C-alpha atoms as a PDB file:
ATOM      1  CA  MET A   1     114.290  94.997 122.972  1.00  0.00           C
ATOM      2  CA  ARG A   2     113.958  97.744 120.371  1.00  0.00           C
ATOM      3  CA  GLN A   3     111.286 100.427 120.548  1.00  0.00           C
ATOM      4  CA  PRO A   4     108.643 100.061 117.788  1.00  0.00           C
ATOM      5  CA  ARG A   5     108.874 102.702 115.073  1.00  0.00           C
ATOM      6  CA  PHE A   6     106.245 105.438 115.003  1.00  0.00           C
ATOM      7  CA  LYS A   7     104.415 103.867 112.057  1.00  0.00           C
ATOM      8  CA  ASP A   8     104.385 100.465 113.786  1.00  0.00           C
ATOM      9  CA  ARG A   9     102.926 101.960 116.963  1.00  0.00           C
ATOM     10  CA  LEU A  10     100.267 103.800 114.954  1.00  0.00           C
ATOM     11  CA  THR A  11      99.202 100.629 113.152  1.00  0.00           C
ATOM     12  CA  GLU A  12      99.170  98.608 116.385  1.00  0.00           C
ATOM     13  CA  LYS A  13      97.022 101.212 118.113  1.00  0.00           C
ATOM     14  CA  GLN A  14      94.536 101.399 115.248  1.00  0.00           C
ATOM     15  CA  ASN A  15      94.301  97.606 115.042  1.00  0.00           C
ATOM     16  CA  ARG A  16      93.714  97.294 118.789  1.00  0.00           C
ATOM     17  CA  THR A  17      90.984  99.897 119.035  1.00  0.00           C
ATOM     18  CA  GLY A  18      89.285  99.485 115.674  1.00  0.00           C
ATOM     19  CA  ILE A  19      87.840 102.997 116.053  1.00  0.00           C
ATOM     20  CA  ALA A  20      88.781 106.438 114.831  1.00  0.00           C
ATOM     21  CA  MET A  21      91.427 108.176 116.894  1.00  0.00           C
ATOM     22  CA  GLN A  22      90.321 110.799 119.333  1.00  0.00           C
ATOM     23  CA  GLU A  23      91.604 114.347 118.947  1.00  0.00           C
ATOM     24  CA  ALA A  24      94.170 113.979 121.748  1.00  0.00           C
ATOM     25  CA  GLU A  25      95.587 110.864 120.093  1.00  0.00           C
ATOM     26  CA  ILE A  26      95.806 112.677 116.756  1.00  0.00           C
ATOM     27  CA  HIS A  27      97.828 115.476 118.330  1.00  0.00           C
ATOM     28  CA  ASP A  28     100.013 112.951 120.147  1.00  0.00           C
ATOM     29  CA  TYR A  29     100.830 111.163 116.882  1.00  0.00           C
ATOM     30  CA  ALA A  30     101.379 114.499 115.146  1.00  0.00           C
ATOM     31  CA  ARG A  31     103.886 115.517 117.845  1.00  0.00           C
ATOM     32  CA  GLN A  32     105.706 112.191 117.544  1.00  0.00           C
ATOM     33  CA  LEU A  33     105.868 112.389 113.767  1.00  0.00           C
ATOM     34  CA  PHE A  34     107.042 116.004 113.928  1.00  0.00           C
ATOM     35  CA  ALA A  35     109.704 115.126 116.499  1.00  0.00           C
ATOM     36  CA  ALA A  36     110.968 112.310 114.290  1.00  0.00           C
ATOM     37  CA  HIS A  37     110.815 114.026 110.898  1.00  0.00           C
ATOM     38  CA  GLY A  38     110.672 117.776 111.493  1.00  0.00           C
ATOM     39  CA  ALA A  39     109.205 119.952 108.748  1.00  0.00           C
ATOM     40  CA  LYS A  40     108.916 116.935 106.422  1.00  0.00           C
ATOM     41  CA  ALA A  41     106.324 115.385 108.738  1.00  0.00           C
ATOM     42  CA  ALA A  42     103.418 117.335 107.201  1.00  0.00           C
ATOM     43  CA  ALA A  43     104.307 116.096 103.716  1.00  0.00           C
ATOM     44  CA  GLU A  44     104.576 112.531 105.009  1.00  0.00           C
ATOM     45  CA  ALA A  45     101.146 112.757 106.631  1.00  0.00           C
ATOM     46  CA  ALA A  46      99.673 114.194 103.425  1.00  0.00           C
ATOM     47  CA  GLN A  47     101.222 111.374 101.408  1.00  0.00           C
ATOM     48  CA  LYS A  48      99.773 108.805 103.809  1.00  0.00           C
ATOM     49  CA  ALA A  49      96.330 110.444 103.490  1.00  0.00           C
ATOM     50  CA  ARG A  50      96.534 110.334  99.676  1.00  0.00           C
ATOM     51  CA  SER A  51      97.517 106.681  99.813  1.00  0.00           C
ATOM     52  CA  PHE A  52      94.451 105.814 101.873  1.00  0.00           C
ATOM     53  CA  GLU A  53      92.235 107.928  99.602  1.00  0.00           C
ATOM     54  CA  GLU A  54      93.507 106.011  96.579  1.00  0.00           C
ATOM     55  CA  LYS A  55      92.684 102.757  98.367  1.00  0.00           C
ATOM     56  CA  GLY A  56      89.173 104.046  99.100  1.00  0.00           C
ATOM     57  CA  ASP A  57      89.672 104.143 102.869  1.00  0.00           C
ATOM     58  CA  ALA A  58      88.095 107.504 103.648  1.00  0.00           C
ATOM     59  CA  LYS A  59      88.191 107.055 107.428  1.00  0.00           C
ATOM     60  CA  GLU A  60      91.962 106.479 107.570  1.00  0.00           C
ATOM     61  CA  ALA A  61      92.531 109.254 105.031  1.00  0.00           C
ATOM     62  CA  GLU A  62      90.566 111.647 107.220  1.00  0.00           C
ATOM     63  CA  THR A  63      92.629 110.676 110.262  1.00  0.00           C
ATOM     64  CA  TRP A  64      95.853 111.401 108.373  1.00  0.00           C
ATOM     65  CA  ARG A  65      94.457 114.741 107.153  1.00  0.00           C
ATOM     66  CA  HIS A  66      93.827 115.627 110.804  1.00  0.00           C
ATOM     67  CA  ILE A  67      97.389 114.613 111.687  1.00  0.00           C
ATOM     68  CA  GLU A  68      98.674 116.728 108.798  1.00  0.00           C
ATOM     69  CA  ALA A  69      96.657 119.736 110.009  1.00  0.00           C
ATOM     70  CA  ALA A  70      97.994 119.337 113.555  1.00  0.00           C
ATOM     71  CA  ILE A  71     101.573 119.256 112.236  1.00  0.00           C
ATOM     72  CA  ARG A  72     100.961 122.374 110.144  1.00  0.00           C
ATOM     73  CA  LEU A  73      99.749 124.134 113.305  1.00  0.00           C
ATOM     74  CA  MET A  74     103.038 123.185 114.975  1.00  0.00           C
ATOM     75  CA  LEU A  75     105.005 124.547 112.010  1.00  0.00           C
ATOM     76  CA  GLY A  76     103.265 127.916 112.135  1.00  0.00           C
ATOM     77  CA  PRO A  77     101.887 130.097 109.346  1.00  0.00           C
ATOM     78  CA  ASN A  78     105.180 130.737 107.566  1.00  0.00           C
ATOM     79  CA  GLN A  79     106.238 127.117 107.214  1.00  0.00           C
ATOM     80  CA  GLY A  80     103.007 125.115 107.006  1.00  0.00           C
END
């Protein structure tokens, strides 16, 4: 059986809980996204946040902005 993709796991988790992610979960997702996509992960998180903002889903957009910020911390000041 194949492992669910990162985005699938994120959606499943959000659907199960129905609440905003806790800080530890945000950092966990940020690490997974960074491991899978490297330096491009921050741009992907930002794009996801913009998509939710355009849809009017401020809560999801905020979560993705937090994920983006966590990834930028991992990248360091010269790359983020």
